[in-house]
Protein backbone atom coordinates (compact mmCIF):
# COMPACT_ATOMS: atom_id res chain seq x y z
CA UNK A 1 -15.48 -37.08 37.05
CA UNK A 2 -17.31 -39.03 34.36
CA UNK A 3 -16.53 -38.46 30.69
CA UNK A 4 -18.91 -35.97 29.05
CA UNK A 5 -20.55 -36.64 25.69
CA UNK A 6 -22.39 -33.94 23.66
CA UNK A 7 -25.07 -35.55 21.54
CA UNK A 8 -26.15 -33.50 18.52
CA UNK A 9 -29.23 -35.26 17.13
CA UNK A 10 -32.78 -34.14 16.19
CA UNK A 11 -34.34 -37.55 16.35
CA UNK A 12 -35.87 -37.59 19.85
CA UNK A 13 -36.36 -41.37 19.96
CA UNK A 14 -32.70 -41.95 19.01
CA UNK A 15 -31.61 -39.33 21.57
CA UNK A 16 -33.44 -41.14 24.34
CA UNK A 17 -31.76 -44.45 23.39
CA UNK A 18 -28.27 -42.82 23.21
CA UNK A 19 -28.63 -41.02 26.52
CA UNK A 20 -29.77 -44.22 28.24
CA UNK A 21 -26.90 -46.25 26.79
CA UNK A 22 -24.26 -43.63 27.55
CA UNK A 23 -25.43 -43.10 31.07
CA UNK A 24 -25.72 -46.80 31.82
CA UNK A 25 -22.04 -47.04 30.69
CA UNK A 26 -20.93 -44.42 33.18
CA UNK A 27 -20.84 -41.43 30.79
CA UNK A 28 -22.46 -38.07 31.22
CA UNK A 29 -24.62 -37.04 28.24
CA UNK A 30 -26.11 -33.70 27.21
CA UNK A 31 -28.20 -33.51 24.02
CA UNK A 32 -29.10 -30.72 21.61
CA UNK A 33 -31.03 -30.90 18.41
CA UNK A 34 -29.45 -28.23 16.22
CA UNK A 35 -26.04 -27.38 15.04
CA UNK A 36 -26.28 -23.85 16.34
CA UNK A 37 -27.01 -25.08 19.89
CA UNK A 38 -24.06 -27.47 19.65
CA UNK A 39 -21.67 -24.64 18.67
CA UNK A 40 -23.01 -22.41 21.42
CA UNK A 41 -22.85 -25.04 24.13
CA UNK A 42 -19.53 -26.63 23.19
CA UNK A 43 -17.12 -24.16 24.90
CA UNK A 44 -19.11 -24.03 28.19
CA UNK A 45 -19.87 -27.73 28.40
CA UNK A 46 -16.39 -28.82 27.21
CA UNK A 47 -17.33 -32.42 26.23
CA UNK A 48 -14.83 -35.23 26.02
CA UNK A 49 -16.55 -36.49 22.85
CA UNK A 50 -19.17 -35.33 20.35
CA UNK A 51 -21.81 -37.57 18.68
CA UNK A 52 -22.91 -35.61 15.70
CA UNK A 53 -25.79 -36.27 13.12
CA UNK A 54 -25.24 -34.95 9.59
CA UNK A 55 -28.83 -34.00 8.82
CA UNK A 56 -29.70 -31.26 11.33
CA UNK A 57 -32.66 -28.80 10.98
CA UNK A 58 -30.50 -25.65 10.79
CA UNK A 59 -27.02 -26.31 9.36
CA UNK A 60 -25.23 -29.35 8.04
CA UNK A 61 -23.52 -31.56 10.57
CA UNK A 62 -20.50 -31.50 8.34
CA UNK A 63 -20.32 -27.76 8.78
CA UNK A 64 -20.63 -28.14 12.58
CA UNK A 65 -17.85 -30.72 12.47
CA UNK A 66 -15.56 -28.38 10.52
CA UNK A 67 -16.17 -25.56 12.95
CA UNK A 68 -15.65 -27.71 16.05
CA UNK A 69 -12.43 -29.09 14.58
CA UNK A 70 -11.14 -25.64 14.08
CA UNK A 71 -11.66 -24.89 17.78
CA UNK A 72 -10.76 -28.16 19.44
CA UNK A 73 -9.20 -31.68 19.04
CA UNK A 74 -12.07 -33.29 20.92
CA UNK A 75 -12.99 -36.52 19.15
CA UNK A 76 -16.01 -36.25 16.90
CA UNK A 77 -18.08 -39.29 15.83
CA UNK A 78 -20.50 -38.75 12.93
CA UNK A 79 -23.80 -40.71 12.98
CA UNK A 80 -25.54 -40.80 9.59
CA UNK A 81 -27.88 -42.71 7.39
CA UNK A 82 -25.69 -41.84 4.45
CA UNK A 83 -23.55 -44.95 3.91
CA UNK A 84 -21.79 -44.20 0.61
CA UNK A 85 -17.94 -44.09 0.68
CA UNK A 86 -17.92 -40.53 -0.51
CA UNK A 87 -20.20 -39.51 2.37
CA UNK A 88 -17.81 -41.13 4.84
CA UNK A 89 -14.77 -39.58 3.21
CA UNK A 90 -16.46 -36.17 3.35
CA UNK A 91 -17.10 -36.54 7.03
CA UNK A 92 -13.53 -37.56 7.78
CA UNK A 93 -12.19 -34.72 5.66
CA UNK A 94 -14.11 -32.24 7.80
CA UNK A 95 -12.33 -33.56 10.87
CA UNK A 96 -14.42 -36.42 12.18
CA UNK A 97 -12.55 -39.18 14.02
CA UNK A 98 -15.06 -41.81 13.12
CA UNK A 99 -18.11 -42.32 10.96
CA UNK A 100 -20.96 -44.70 11.97
CA UNK A 101 -23.84 -45.47 9.72
CA UNK A 102 -27.40 -45.79 11.01
CA UNK A 103 -28.84 -48.11 12.10
CA UNK A 104 -25.92 -49.19 14.29
CA UNK A 105 -25.35 -51.49 17.30
CA UNK A 106 -25.27 -49.62 20.53
CA UNK A 107 -22.58 -52.05 21.70
CA UNK A 108 -20.38 -51.20 18.75
CA UNK A 109 -20.93 -47.53 19.32
CA UNK A 110 -19.91 -47.73 22.91
CA UNK A 111 -16.77 -49.75 22.11
CA UNK A 112 -15.75 -47.12 19.52
CA UNK A 113 -16.44 -44.27 21.89
CA UNK A 114 -14.50 -45.93 24.66
CA UNK A 115 -11.48 -46.40 22.35
CA UNK A 116 -11.56 -42.73 21.28
CA UNK A 117 -11.86 -41.44 24.84
CA UNK A 118 -9.06 -43.68 26.08
CA UNK A 119 -6.78 -42.71 23.21
CA UNK A 120 -7.03 -39.06 24.31
CA UNK A 121 -5.33 -40.12 27.57
CA UNK A 122 -2.37 -41.86 25.82
CA UNK A 123 0.70 -39.81 26.79
CA UNK A 124 2.50 -40.42 23.48
CA UNK A 125 3.98 -37.87 21.16
CA UNK A 126 7.37 -37.74 19.37
CA UNK A 127 10.02 -35.08 19.61
CA UNK A 128 9.91 -32.19 17.16
CA UNK A 129 13.15 -33.27 15.50
CA UNK A 130 13.46 -36.71 13.94
CA UNK A 131 16.73 -38.52 13.34
CA UNK A 132 18.29 -38.28 9.84
CA UNK A 133 16.44 -40.63 7.52
CA UNK A 134 18.08 -44.04 7.02
CA UNK A 135 19.42 -44.86 3.49
CA UNK A 136 18.75 -48.64 3.57
CA UNK A 137 15.77 -50.91 3.77
CA UNK A 138 12.87 -50.39 6.31
CA UNK A 139 10.44 -53.28 7.02
CA UNK A 140 7.33 -53.21 9.10
CA UNK A 141 4.97 -56.10 8.71
CA UNK A 142 4.03 -56.41 5.05
CA UNK A 143 5.51 -53.01 4.13
CA UNK A 144 9.08 -52.80 2.71
CA UNK A 145 10.59 -49.44 1.88
CA UNK A 146 13.82 -48.89 -0.18
CA UNK A 147 14.69 -45.46 1.12
CA UNK A 148 17.51 -44.83 -1.38
CA UNK A 149 15.59 -46.26 -4.33
CA UNK A 150 12.35 -44.48 -3.23
CA UNK A 151 10.36 -47.75 -3.70
CA UNK A 152 7.62 -49.25 -1.61
CA UNK A 153 6.37 -52.84 -1.56
CA UNK A 154 3.04 -53.88 0.02
CA UNK A 155 2.98 -57.68 0.49
CA UNK A 156 5.42 -57.92 -2.41
CA UNK A 157 3.45 -55.54 -4.70
CA UNK A 158 5.10 -52.35 -5.79
CA UNK A 159 3.31 -49.07 -4.95
CA UNK A 160 3.99 -45.84 -6.83
CA UNK A 161 3.62 -43.02 -4.40
CA UNK A 162 4.28 -39.31 -4.91
CA UNK A 163 7.13 -37.83 -2.77
CA UNK A 164 4.88 -36.46 -0.04
CA UNK A 165 3.13 -39.73 0.53
CA UNK A 166 6.39 -41.69 0.30
CA UNK A 167 8.06 -39.52 2.97
CA UNK A 168 5.01 -39.68 5.30
CA UNK A 169 4.96 -43.47 5.08
CA UNK A 170 8.81 -43.58 5.49
CA UNK A 171 8.63 -41.53 8.69
CA UNK A 172 5.72 -43.55 10.13
CA UNK A 173 7.32 -46.87 9.30
CA UNK A 174 10.71 -45.73 10.64
CA UNK A 175 8.94 -44.93 13.91
CA UNK A 176 6.47 -47.83 13.86
CA UNK A 177 4.40 -48.23 17.02
CA UNK A 178 5.15 -44.67 18.03
CA UNK A 179 2.86 -41.67 17.56
CA UNK A 180 4.07 -38.94 15.19
CA UNK A 181 2.55 -35.49 15.53
CA UNK A 182 1.12 -33.66 12.58
CA UNK A 183 3.52 -30.79 13.22
CA UNK A 184 6.50 -33.15 12.95
CA UNK A 185 5.17 -34.69 9.65
CA UNK A 186 4.59 -31.29 8.06
CA UNK A 187 7.99 -29.97 9.01
CA UNK A 188 9.85 -33.04 7.73
CA UNK A 189 7.84 -33.74 4.61
CA UNK A 190 7.52 -30.38 2.96
CA UNK A 191 9.81 -27.28 2.79
CA UNK A 192 8.90 -24.86 5.58
CA UNK A 193 5.92 -22.68 4.73
CA UNK A 194 4.87 -24.63 1.61
CA UNK A 195 2.23 -26.88 3.29
CA UNK A 196 -0.34 -26.80 6.07
CA UNK A 197 -2.36 -29.29 8.01
CA UNK A 198 -5.00 -29.54 5.32
CA UNK A 199 -2.27 -30.71 2.87
CA UNK A 200 -1.20 -33.31 5.29
CA UNK A 201 -4.77 -34.56 5.85
CA UNK A 202 -5.19 -34.91 2.09
CA UNK A 203 -1.90 -36.76 1.73
CA UNK A 204 -2.78 -39.10 4.62
CA UNK A 205 -6.17 -39.88 3.00
CA UNK A 206 -4.55 -40.63 -0.30
CA UNK A 207 -1.88 -42.76 1.35
CA UNK A 208 -4.53 -44.77 3.19
CA UNK A 209 -6.34 -45.37 -0.13
CA UNK A 210 -3.11 -46.87 -1.44
CA UNK A 211 -2.21 -49.17 1.49
CA UNK A 212 -5.45 -49.84 3.43
CA UNK A 213 -8.03 -52.47 2.53
CA UNK A 214 -10.65 -50.10 3.98
CA UNK A 215 -9.38 -46.47 3.96
CA UNK A 216 -12.40 -45.27 5.92
CA UNK A 217 -11.51 -47.66 8.80
CA UNK A 218 -7.72 -47.70 8.55
CA UNK A 219 -5.68 -50.43 10.23
CA UNK A 220 -2.11 -49.48 9.33
CA UNK A 221 -2.09 -45.60 9.58
CA UNK A 222 -4.04 -44.97 12.77
CA UNK A 223 -5.10 -41.60 14.11
CA UNK A 224 -4.42 -41.29 17.77
CA UNK A 225 -6.34 -38.18 18.92
CA UNK A 226 -5.25 -35.71 19.96
CA UNK A 227 -1.54 -36.66 19.41
CA UNK A 228 -1.10 -37.64 15.78
CA UNK A 229 -0.59 -40.71 13.67
CA UNK A 230 0.80 -44.18 14.32
CA UNK A 231 1.86 -46.87 11.95
CA UNK A 232 0.67 -50.38 13.04
CA UNK A 233 2.54 -53.16 11.25
CA UNK A 234 0.44 -55.95 9.63
CA UNK A 235 1.93 -59.28 8.76
CA UNK A 236 0.96 -60.99 5.50
CA UNK A 237 -2.53 -62.30 5.89
CA UNK A 238 -3.78 -59.34 7.90
CA UNK A 239 -2.36 -60.20 11.32
CA UNK A 240 -1.28 -57.25 13.42
CA UNK A 241 2.39 -57.40 14.40
CA UNK A 242 3.89 -55.83 17.44
CA UNK A 243 7.40 -54.47 17.34
CA UNK A 244 7.93 -55.33 13.62
CA UNK A 245 10.50 -52.82 12.66
CA UNK A 246 13.84 -53.72 11.20
CA UNK A 247 15.73 -50.49 11.89
CA UNK A 248 16.97 -49.12 15.13
CA UNK A 249 14.06 -49.33 17.67
CA UNK A 250 12.92 -46.08 19.06
CA UNK A 251 11.27 -45.27 22.35
CA UNK A 252 7.78 -46.66 22.73
CA UNK A 253 6.57 -43.16 23.51
CA UNK A 254 8.06 -39.74 24.02
CA UNK A 255 7.02 -36.65 25.85
CA UNK A 256 4.43 -34.28 24.24
CA UNK A 257 5.99 -31.59 22.09
CA UNK A 258 3.53 -28.97 23.16
CA UNK A 259 2.74 -28.20 19.52
CA UNK A 260 -0.33 -28.68 17.45
CA UNK A 261 -1.69 -32.23 17.68
CA UNK A 262 -4.58 -34.32 16.59
CA UNK A 263 -6.10 -34.81 13.15
CA UNK A 264 -4.91 -31.67 11.25
CA UNK A 265 -7.66 -29.58 9.75
CA UNK A 266 -6.53 -26.01 10.23
CA UNK A 267 -4.01 -23.71 8.64
CA UNK A 268 -0.49 -23.94 9.91
CA UNK A 269 0.47 -20.70 11.67
C-alpha cells in the first residue's frame, strides 16, 4: 500500500501541484482546504504524513498542528510564507516535524517527506532504564562532556548549560547514534512527577539553540519520529562522524519500549 499524505492547503493551484508531485512519486494524496476538515478527516483517513498550511480560512494551521499532535505522532510538515525564525520556532513548538517556507522546491519537499516517512519505519528505541551515568569524560565529535565537573565543551568552547539541558545532552552523547525515547529522557532528567513532555520539548529547543548552528534544522540533536531523539556526532569543521563515542559502545538499536514516543507535546500521564 502506498504511503498516504493529507494535504491541508487552501491555495487550489498549489494543491494541484502538490497532488501531482506526490502521486508521481508513488504517494497517495488527499486534500482539504480548512483546518476543520483536516481534523474531521484525520482519524478515518489515517495519513502517514500531513502537509499543513498555516494560514487557513477557518482556524490557524498552528492550532490544527497542536490538536493533531495531541492525537498522533504522525509526521507534520508546515508549509508557510512566514519565514521569520520566530514563526518557524512557533511551528516546531506546536509539534511540527519540519517547517518549509514558500516558495519551495518540489524536489526538496519530496526528499524531506521521504526522510520523515522512512524514519517512522526505523525500529529503534532504547530500553526504559539506562545504565548508571559515567563519571569521567564523554566525547562525541566536537562535543566533550566532563560528567563529574558538569562542564561541556563545543569545539573547545565552554558552554554553560542548566542542569536539565546538561543531563539531556549527557544521556544523548552517552548513547550517541542510538535513539532515546522522550519517556526515558523525562524519567532520567527530572524527579518523577516534576516534569512533562512539554518541559522536555522546551529544554530540547533551548539545548539546540546552544549547540546547533541552525536550531530550526538541527544536525546534532535529531528528532526520529515517532521514536525519540538521537545525537549525531559532528567532527570539527562540520563533518558528520559515525561511531564517535569514547565510552562503552551501546547497541546500535534496541527494541521499542512500548511507551510514549515521538516529539513530546502532551502532558505526561
